[in-house]
């Protein structure tokens, strides 16, 4: 068995009482060997929500975008989202079964969105513990910030994890498509999502956790007490948080405040990862979310992308940089509906020697590790890009330019033959 001791705290890492993992000893990601790995998950805080049934499930069902059934024997972990009244994401969260009390340990990203971003066009972002306590009222529920008591780890890779992942696939039945709005949901046999129990060989009866249900291959999420040494089988290699971010980006999984805050959940693939139940009623943000499901249409998704610097580019991609889409020589006959400006305005730009080939809606760069990143892109633009009719690029403030290469996530479902239209994933 492998035992690792981690420092409990440091003065730099706890600015808001939330536990930070930057002071956990990191492995060298460049020497990571194939096999099962585990890593601290960056930017995670933990809040405890406990109470008796049916008080606890009733309380949570008024806040979460997924259904919470009253626990009969023991609590199961799940992935979900808190939305604001406009149907935009406040927090994407994991609910882990509490190891000693009836209830959950909820992990979330505690970072605040800078005031300069579009995220504050709507309501300000409340801290999650404050938000939860605001709605307790007469519910017999206790909410407590326990970030200084728990560390969050991700475990993935290796033959053992892959075999367990294949066992989970047996429970998966099909994808449910809404051809009107282009929403996509995973469907599981017998109405069950999956049993999220974690093997005792990982938790050793000390911590808690669950399978990361968002994408097959993401592995497991583990919560380990700060007061205990992390004990995993010797074949599990400890790697730095950079390895986890690379793993997450490669699978096309947006996570946390930087990727998701104030976004529409379907434009962040949340319903594809099981974070929304469109048949559930009466929760904050439900009206606009369900309206989109029945009468709207999803035109954007999150894709893994590669950023290829052009000659002379030496800076790094700025945070939340815009992705520009332009016509290529092959795509000069693209329909006028893709162009951002009117014919008259385009003629004026051409007369002034300006580029008139901008596209109506730009994408956005989200999480980035080196030359790999997540990008929010229009689905019809990606279709044109794959047909060679459109080029995508990012331009920095100092004129540096990166070409964007798009990769469809391997876990995305195939479009049914009966469905048509460029907005559906292929």
Protein backbone atom coordinates (compact mmCIF):
# COMPACT_ATOMS: atom_id res chain seq x y z
CA UNK A 1 0.00 0.00 0.00
CA UNK A 2 1.09 3.53 -0.70
CA UNK A 3 0.88 6.12 2.07
CA UNK A 4 1.20 9.80 1.37
CA UNK A 5 1.28 12.53 3.96
CA UNK A 6 -0.10 15.91 2.99
CA UNK A 7 0.30 19.19 4.85
CA UNK A 8 -2.95 20.19 6.52
CA UNK A 9 -2.79 23.87 5.68
CA UNK A 10 -0.66 26.80 4.75
CA UNK A 11 -1.22 30.52 5.19
CA UNK A 12 -1.28 31.22 1.47
CA UNK A 13 -3.81 28.55 0.55
CA UNK A 14 -6.81 29.52 2.70
CA UNK A 15 -7.88 33.07 1.84
CA UNK A 16 -11.63 32.41 2.30
CA UNK A 17 -11.65 29.49 4.76
CA UNK A 18 -12.10 27.09 1.82
CA UNK A 19 -9.59 24.27 1.67
CA UNK A 20 -7.09 24.75 -1.12
CA UNK A 21 -5.05 21.96 -2.67
CA UNK A 22 -2.17 23.99 -4.03
CA UNK A 23 0.02 23.02 -1.10
CA UNK A 24 -0.42 19.27 -1.65
CA UNK A 25 2.78 17.73 -2.92
CA UNK A 26 2.53 17.27 -6.68
CA UNK A 27 4.07 14.63 -8.88
CA UNK A 28 5.96 15.37 -12.08
CA UNK A 29 3.32 15.24 -14.82
CA UNK A 30 5.94 14.89 -17.53
CA UNK A 31 7.01 11.51 -16.12
CA UNK A 32 3.53 10.13 -15.49
CA UNK A 33 3.40 6.43 -16.39
CA UNK A 34 0.40 4.65 -17.93
CA UNK A 35 -1.72 3.09 -15.25
CA UNK A 36 -4.15 4.12 -12.54
CA UNK A 37 -3.52 7.65 -11.34
CA UNK A 38 -4.96 9.98 -8.76
CA UNK A 39 -4.68 13.71 -8.45
CA UNK A 40 -5.98 16.54 -6.27
CA UNK A 41 -8.85 18.35 -7.97
CA UNK A 42 -8.06 22.09 -8.04
CA UNK A 43 -10.41 24.79 -6.79
CA UNK A 44 -12.69 22.61 -4.69
CA UNK A 45 -14.57 23.41 -1.50
CA UNK A 46 -16.94 21.17 0.48
CA UNK A 47 -20.19 21.90 2.30
CA UNK A 48 -22.13 19.43 4.45
CA UNK A 49 -25.92 19.14 4.05
CA UNK A 50 -27.55 16.80 6.57
CA UNK A 51 -31.06 16.13 7.83
CA UNK A 52 -33.81 13.58 8.17
CA UNK A 53 -36.14 12.44 5.42
CA UNK A 54 -38.32 13.62 3.83
CA UNK A 55 -37.05 17.05 4.92
CA UNK A 56 -33.67 16.73 3.20
CA UNK A 57 -34.87 15.55 -0.21
CA UNK A 58 -37.75 18.07 -0.22
CA UNK A 59 -35.31 20.87 0.54
CA UNK A 60 -32.85 19.82 -2.19
CA UNK A 61 -35.55 19.26 -4.81
CA UNK A 62 -36.49 22.93 -4.56
CA UNK A 63 -32.95 23.97 -5.49
CA UNK A 64 -31.38 21.35 -7.77
CA UNK A 65 -31.98 20.73 -11.47
CA UNK A 66 -32.01 16.96 -10.90
CA UNK A 67 -34.44 14.86 -8.86
CA UNK A 68 -33.39 13.78 -5.37
CA UNK A 69 -35.30 10.74 -4.11
CA UNK A 70 -35.67 10.15 -0.35
CA UNK A 71 -32.97 7.79 0.81
CA UNK A 72 -34.39 4.43 1.93
CA UNK A 73 -31.26 2.78 3.28
CA UNK A 74 -28.21 4.77 2.27
CA UNK A 75 -27.44 7.84 0.24
CA UNK A 76 -26.00 7.63 -3.27
CA UNK A 77 -23.73 10.14 -4.94
CA UNK A 78 -24.80 12.16 -7.97
CA UNK A 79 -23.87 15.10 -10.20
CA UNK A 80 -26.14 18.14 -10.45
CA UNK A 81 -26.37 21.91 -10.87
CA UNK A 82 -27.68 24.93 -9.01
CA UNK A 83 -29.25 27.49 -11.37
CA UNK A 84 -30.24 31.10 -10.86
CA UNK A 85 -33.72 32.42 -11.63
CA UNK A 86 -32.69 33.05 -15.25
CA UNK A 87 -31.86 29.38 -15.77
CA UNK A 88 -28.10 30.00 -15.83
CA UNK A 89 -25.51 28.00 -13.91
CA UNK A 90 -24.50 29.12 -10.44
CA UNK A 91 -22.62 25.96 -9.44
CA UNK A 92 -22.02 22.54 -10.95
CA UNK A 93 -21.63 20.16 -8.03
CA UNK A 94 -21.03 16.59 -6.88
CA UNK A 95 -23.17 15.26 -4.04
CA UNK A 96 -21.25 12.56 -2.14
CA UNK A 97 -22.88 10.38 0.54
CA UNK A 98 -21.91 11.63 4.00
CA UNK A 99 -19.83 8.88 5.68
CA UNK A 100 -21.16 9.42 9.23
CA UNK A 101 -24.45 11.37 9.05
CA UNK A 102 -27.66 11.17 7.00
CA UNK A 103 -27.02 13.52 4.12
CA UNK A 104 -24.34 14.63 1.69
CA UNK A 105 -20.95 16.24 1.30
CA UNK A 106 -21.18 18.63 -1.65
CA UNK A 107 -18.05 19.60 -3.57
CA UNK A 108 -18.06 22.78 -5.63
CA UNK A 109 -15.83 25.51 -7.03
CA UNK A 110 -15.80 28.45 -4.57
CA UNK A 111 -14.13 30.97 -6.87
CA UNK A 112 -15.94 34.21 -7.58
CA UNK A 113 -16.34 35.42 -11.16
CA UNK A 114 -14.51 38.74 -11.73
CA UNK A 115 -16.89 41.67 -11.97
CA UNK A 116 -15.56 42.55 -15.41
CA UNK A 117 -16.99 39.41 -17.03
CA UNK A 118 -20.47 39.08 -18.57
CA UNK A 119 -21.39 36.71 -15.72
CA UNK A 120 -22.62 39.68 -13.68
CA UNK A 121 -25.14 40.91 -16.20
CA UNK A 122 -27.64 39.08 -14.01
CA UNK A 123 -27.72 38.39 -10.28
CA UNK A 124 -24.51 38.49 -8.24
CA UNK A 125 -23.03 35.11 -7.38
CA UNK A 126 -23.73 34.11 -3.76
CA UNK A 127 -21.32 31.79 -1.99
CA UNK A 128 -22.88 28.32 -1.98
CA UNK A 129 -23.06 27.91 1.83
CA UNK A 130 -24.78 31.30 2.04
CA UNK A 131 -27.18 30.35 -0.76
CA UNK A 132 -28.07 27.04 0.90
CA UNK A 133 -28.68 28.60 4.32
CA UNK A 134 -30.94 31.23 2.75
CA UNK A 135 -33.43 28.54 1.73
CA UNK A 136 -33.38 26.40 4.89
CA UNK A 137 -36.23 28.35 6.55
CA UNK A 138 -38.16 25.79 8.64
CA UNK A 139 -36.61 22.74 7.00
CA UNK A 140 -34.94 20.40 9.46
CA UNK A 141 -31.68 20.61 7.53
CA UNK A 142 -28.20 21.62 8.66
CA UNK A 143 -25.72 23.33 6.34
CA UNK A 144 -22.05 23.64 7.33
CA UNK A 145 -18.90 24.63 5.48
CA UNK A 146 -16.43 21.75 6.00
CA UNK A 147 -13.84 22.70 3.40
CA UNK A 148 -11.06 22.56 5.99
CA UNK A 149 -11.94 18.93 6.79
CA UNK A 150 -11.91 17.30 3.33
CA UNK A 151 -9.68 17.04 0.27
CA UNK A 152 -11.01 16.15 -3.18
CA UNK A 153 -9.20 13.70 -5.48
CA UNK A 154 -9.86 12.25 -8.93
CA UNK A 155 -8.88 8.64 -9.71
CA UNK A 156 -8.69 7.37 -13.29
CA UNK A 157 -6.78 5.26 -15.81
CA UNK A 158 -5.28 1.80 -15.79
CA UNK A 159 -6.77 -1.62 -16.45
CA UNK A 160 -8.58 -1.79 -13.11
CA UNK A 161 -10.41 1.48 -13.64
CA UNK A 162 -11.22 0.61 -17.26
CA UNK A 163 -12.72 -2.75 -16.26
CA UNK A 164 -14.89 -1.07 -13.64
CA UNK A 165 -15.91 1.54 -16.20
CA UNK A 166 -17.01 -1.19 -18.61
CA UNK A 167 -19.15 -2.71 -15.85
CA UNK A 168 -20.97 0.60 -15.55
CA UNK A 169 -21.68 0.64 -19.28
CA UNK A 170 -23.84 -2.44 -18.80
CA UNK A 171 -26.35 -0.22 -16.97
CA UNK A 172 -26.44 2.28 -19.82
CA UNK A 173 -29.25 1.84 -22.33
CA UNK A 174 -29.40 4.69 -24.82
CA UNK A 175 -29.36 8.41 -25.43
CA UNK A 176 -32.67 10.27 -25.41
CA UNK A 177 -32.92 12.96 -28.09
CA UNK A 178 -35.30 15.89 -28.38
CA UNK A 179 -35.24 16.69 -32.13
CA UNK A 180 -36.91 20.05 -31.58
CA UNK A 181 -34.40 21.57 -29.14
CA UNK A 182 -31.43 19.23 -29.78
CA UNK A 183 -31.10 18.34 -26.11
CA UNK A 184 -29.54 14.96 -25.36
CA UNK A 185 -29.93 12.93 -22.15
CA UNK A 186 -28.44 9.62 -20.99
CA UNK A 187 -30.99 6.91 -20.22
CA UNK A 188 -30.28 4.02 -17.88
CA UNK A 189 -31.98 0.64 -17.56
CA UNK A 190 -34.70 0.18 -14.93
CA UNK A 191 -34.86 3.93 -14.46
CA UNK A 192 -31.63 3.90 -12.47
CA UNK A 193 -28.69 6.08 -13.30
CA UNK A 194 -26.10 3.81 -11.70
CA UNK A 195 -24.92 2.56 -8.35
CA UNK A 196 -22.28 5.04 -7.30
CA UNK A 197 -20.76 3.00 -4.48
CA UNK A 198 -17.00 3.24 -4.33
CA UNK A 199 -14.83 0.18 -3.84
CA UNK A 200 -13.46 -0.04 -0.29
CA UNK A 201 -10.00 -0.69 -1.75
CA UNK A 202 -9.97 3.01 -2.60
CA UNK A 203 -11.80 4.65 0.31
CA UNK A 204 -10.81 2.12 3.01
CA UNK A 205 -13.95 3.02 4.91
CA UNK A 206 -12.49 6.42 5.77
CA UNK A 207 -13.51 8.73 2.95
CA UNK A 208 -16.42 8.88 0.56
CA UNK A 209 -16.94 9.37 -3.15
CA UNK A 210 -18.58 8.11 -6.31
CA UNK A 211 -18.04 7.28 -9.94
CA UNK A 212 -17.73 10.39 -12.09
CA UNK A 213 -20.87 9.81 -14.13
CA UNK A 214 -20.39 12.78 -16.45
CA UNK A 215 -18.35 10.80 -18.99
CA UNK A 216 -17.26 7.17 -19.17
CA UNK A 217 -13.52 7.19 -18.60
CA UNK A 218 -13.42 10.11 -16.16
CA UNK A 219 -12.97 7.63 -13.31
CA UNK A 220 -13.93 8.35 -9.71
CA UNK A 221 -14.21 11.27 -7.32
CA UNK A 222 -12.88 10.70 -3.80
CA UNK A 223 -13.25 12.82 -0.68
CA UNK A 224 -10.55 12.12 1.90
CA UNK A 225 -10.32 13.58 5.41
CA UNK A 226 -7.59 16.17 5.86
CA UNK A 227 -6.71 14.53 9.17
CA UNK A 228 -5.97 11.15 7.54
CA UNK A 229 -3.18 9.96 5.28
CA UNK A 230 -4.35 9.06 1.80
CA UNK A 231 -3.95 5.29 1.39
CA UNK A 232 -4.37 3.73 -2.04
CA UNK A 233 -3.03 0.53 -3.60
CA UNK A 234 0.63 0.78 -4.60
CA UNK A 235 -0.15 0.72 -8.34
CA UNK A 236 -1.96 4.06 -8.11
CA UNK A 237 0.42 6.87 -9.04
CA UNK A 238 0.05 10.34 -7.56
CA UNK A 239 0.21 13.06 -10.23
CA UNK A 240 -0.25 16.81 -10.21
CA UNK A 241 -3.49 18.65 -10.71
CA UNK A 242 -2.30 19.57 -14.22
CA UNK A 243 -2.73 15.90 -15.20
CA UNK A 244 -6.35 15.97 -14.05
CA UNK A 245 -7.06 19.13 -16.04
CA UNK A 246 -5.51 17.61 -19.17
CA UNK A 247 -7.61 14.47 -18.66
CA UNK A 248 -10.77 16.54 -18.21
CA UNK A 249 -10.14 18.78 -21.21
CA UNK A 250 -9.36 15.81 -23.46
CA UNK A 251 -12.77 14.36 -22.57
CA UNK A 252 -14.55 17.64 -23.29
CA UNK A 253 -15.76 18.14 -19.70
CA UNK A 254 -16.27 21.75 -18.53
CA UNK A 255 -16.03 22.19 -14.77
CA UNK A 256 -16.22 24.93 -12.19
CA UNK A 257 -16.70 28.67 -12.19
CA UNK A 258 -14.30 29.51 -15.02
CA UNK A 259 -16.05 27.17 -17.48
CA UNK A 260 -19.67 27.15 -16.37
CA UNK A 261 -20.66 30.13 -14.23
CA UNK A 262 -23.61 32.09 -15.68
CA UNK A 263 -23.76 29.91 -18.79
CA UNK A 264 -26.85 28.19 -20.12
CA UNK A 265 -26.48 24.57 -18.95
CA UNK A 266 -27.20 22.95 -22.33
CA UNK A 267 -24.47 25.07 -23.95
CA UNK A 268 -22.03 23.48 -21.48
CA UNK A 269 -23.15 19.88 -22.22
CA UNK A 270 -24.63 19.65 -18.71
CA UNK A 271 -27.72 17.67 -19.71
CA UNK A 272 -25.52 15.26 -21.70
CA UNK A 273 -23.56 14.62 -18.49
CA UNK A 274 -26.68 13.96 -16.39
CA UNK A 275 -26.80 17.32 -14.61
CA UNK A 276 -30.40 18.24 -15.57
CA UNK A 277 -33.72 16.39 -15.44
CA UNK A 278 -36.21 18.06 -17.80
CA UNK A 279 -39.13 16.12 -16.30
CA UNK A 280 -38.49 17.46 -12.79
CA UNK A 281 -40.54 20.43 -11.63
CA UNK A 282 -40.45 23.26 -9.13
CA UNK A 283 -36.84 24.32 -8.71
CA UNK A 284 -35.01 27.61 -9.12
CA UNK A 285 -34.39 28.25 -12.83
CA UNK A 286 -36.84 25.59 -14.02
CA UNK A 287 -39.10 27.81 -16.13
CA UNK A 288 -36.51 28.99 -18.65
CA UNK A 289 -34.71 25.63 -18.69
CA UNK A 290 -37.85 23.66 -19.54
CA UNK A 291 -38.97 26.33 -22.00
CA UNK A 292 -35.70 25.85 -23.87
CA UNK A 293 -36.26 22.09 -23.86
CA UNK A 294 -39.72 22.35 -25.45
CA UNK A 295 -39.55 25.47 -27.62
CA UNK A 296 -35.89 26.50 -27.97
CA UNK A 297 -32.92 25.08 -29.84
CA UNK A 298 -29.38 24.38 -28.67
CA UNK A 299 -26.90 25.91 -31.10
CA UNK A 300 -23.69 25.79 -29.07
CA UNK A 301 -21.71 23.06 -27.34
CA UNK A 302 -18.35 22.66 -25.62
CA UNK A 303 -15.63 20.96 -27.70
CA UNK A 304 -12.01 20.01 -27.00
CA UNK A 305 -9.84 22.23 -29.19
CA UNK A 306 -6.16 22.66 -30.04
CA UNK A 307 -4.61 26.13 -30.28
CA UNK A 308 -1.89 26.28 -32.94
CA UNK A 309 0.13 29.53 -32.82
CA UNK A 310 0.88 31.19 -36.12
CA UNK A 311 4.39 32.33 -37.01
CA UNK A 312 5.55 35.12 -34.74
CA UNK A 313 3.04 34.38 -31.98
CA UNK A 314 4.80 34.34 -28.62
CA UNK A 315 2.20 35.24 -25.97
CA UNK A 316 -0.41 33.03 -24.30
CA UNK A 317 -4.11 32.90 -25.08
CA UNK A 318 -5.97 35.44 -22.91
CA UNK A 319 -8.69 34.15 -20.54
CA UNK A 320 -12.12 33.70 -22.15
CA UNK A 321 -10.72 34.76 -25.53
CA UNK A 322 -13.17 34.97 -28.41
CA UNK A 323 -12.96 32.49 -31.29
CA UNK A 324 -13.40 34.08 -34.72
CA UNK A 325 -14.95 32.15 -37.59
CA UNK A 326 -14.15 33.18 -41.18
CA UNK A 327 -14.88 31.85 -44.63
CA UNK A 328 -12.26 29.77 -46.38
CA UNK A 329 -11.70 29.70 -50.16
CA UNK A 330 -13.72 26.49 -50.26
CA UNK A 331 -16.59 28.15 -48.42
CA UNK A 332 -17.05 31.36 -50.37
CA UNK A 333 -20.55 30.24 -51.35
CA UNK A 334 -21.70 29.87 -47.73
CA UNK A 335 -25.28 31.12 -47.33
CA UNK A 336 -25.68 34.75 -46.34
CA UNK A 337 -27.37 33.69 -43.11
CA UNK A 338 -23.94 32.90 -41.67
CA UNK A 339 -22.58 36.42 -42.17
CA UNK A 340 -22.66 38.83 -39.28
CA UNK A 341 -23.29 42.07 -41.17
CA UNK A 342 -25.71 43.25 -43.82
CA UNK A 343 -24.73 43.51 -47.49
CA UNK A 344 -24.61 47.30 -47.22
CA UNK A 345 -22.38 47.22 -44.14
CA UNK A 346 -20.19 44.55 -45.73
CA UNK A 347 -19.79 46.71 -48.85
CA UNK A 348 -18.66 49.62 -46.68
CA UNK A 349 -16.10 47.42 -44.91
CA UNK A 350 -14.78 46.08 -48.20
CA UNK A 351 -14.49 49.61 -49.63
CA UNK A 352 -12.45 50.57 -46.57
CA UNK A 353 -10.19 47.54 -47.03
CA UNK A 354 -11.55 45.83 -43.90
CA UNK A 355 -12.27 42.13 -43.44
CA UNK A 356 -15.95 41.49 -44.14
CA UNK A 357 -15.98 37.75 -43.49
CA UNK A 358 -16.77 37.67 -39.78
CA UNK A 359 -19.40 35.20 -38.69
CA UNK A 360 -22.45 36.04 -36.62
CA UNK A 361 -21.64 34.32 -33.33
CA UNK A 362 -18.15 33.81 -32.01
CA UNK A 363 -16.99 31.04 -29.72
CA UNK A 364 -15.14 31.31 -26.43
CA UNK A 365 -12.03 29.64 -25.04
CA UNK A 366 -12.61 28.09 -21.60
CA UNK A 367 -10.13 25.96 -19.60
CA UNK A 368 -6.70 25.70 -21.19
CA UNK A 369 -3.61 23.59 -20.55
CA UNK A 370 -0.80 24.44 -22.96
CA UNK A 371 -2.08 24.14 -26.52
CA UNK A 372 -5.20 22.15 -25.57
CA UNK A 373 -8.38 23.78 -24.34
CA UNK A 374 -12.14 23.67 -24.20
CA UNK A 375 -14.05 25.93 -26.55
CA UNK A 376 -17.71 26.95 -26.83
CA UNK A 377 -18.61 26.79 -30.52
CA UNK A 378 -21.69 26.94 -32.70
CA UNK A 379 -22.57 23.47 -33.95
CA UNK A 380 -23.26 24.70 -37.48
CA UNK A 381 -19.84 26.39 -37.53
CA UNK A 382 -18.19 23.13 -36.49
CA UNK A 383 -20.00 21.33 -39.31
CA UNK A 384 -18.66 23.89 -41.80
CA UNK A 385 -15.18 23.65 -40.27
CA UNK A 386 -15.20 19.87 -40.73
CA UNK A 387 -16.26 20.33 -44.35
CA UNK A 388 -13.34 22.68 -44.95
CA UNK A 389 -15.61 25.68 -45.51
CA UNK A 390 -14.73 27.63 -42.39
CA UNK A 391 -11.58 28.54 -40.45
CA UNK A 392 -11.50 29.20 -36.71
CA UNK A 393 -8.92 31.33 -34.93
CA UNK A 394 -8.19 33.26 -31.74
CA UNK A 395 -6.63 36.71 -31.80
CA UNK A 396 -4.82 38.13 -28.78
CA UNK A 397 -4.78 41.73 -27.63
CA UNK A 398 -1.32 42.31 -29.11
CA UNK A 399 -2.18 40.87 -32.53
CA UNK A 400 -0.97 37.31 -31.91
CA UNK A 401 -3.12 34.69 -33.65
CA UNK A 402 -3.79 31.01 -32.94
CA UNK A 403 -5.54 28.68 -35.37
CA UNK A 404 -8.21 26.51 -33.74
CA UNK A 405 -8.52 22.79 -34.45
CA UNK A 406 -11.75 21.16 -33.24
CA UNK A 407 -12.15 17.60 -31.95
CA UNK A 408 -15.51 15.98 -31.29
CA UNK A 409 -15.51 14.15 -27.93
CA UNK A 410 -15.37 10.39 -28.42
CA UNK A 411 -18.19 9.85 -25.92
CA UNK A 412 -20.69 11.97 -27.83
CA UNK A 413 -23.64 9.94 -29.15
CA UNK A 414 -24.13 9.35 -32.84
CA UNK A 415 -26.99 11.24 -34.42
CA UNK A 416 -29.99 9.01 -35.18
CA UNK A 417 -30.59 8.49 -38.90
CA UNK A 418 -34.11 9.90 -38.49
CA UNK A 419 -32.79 13.22 -37.18
CA UNK A 420 -31.53 15.92 -39.52
CA UNK A 421 -29.99 19.36 -39.21
CA UNK A 422 -26.52 20.76 -38.61
CA UNK A 423 -27.20 21.60 -34.95
CA UNK A 424 -27.10 17.99 -33.74
CA UNK A 425 -23.77 16.34 -32.86
CA UNK A 426 -22.67 13.96 -35.57
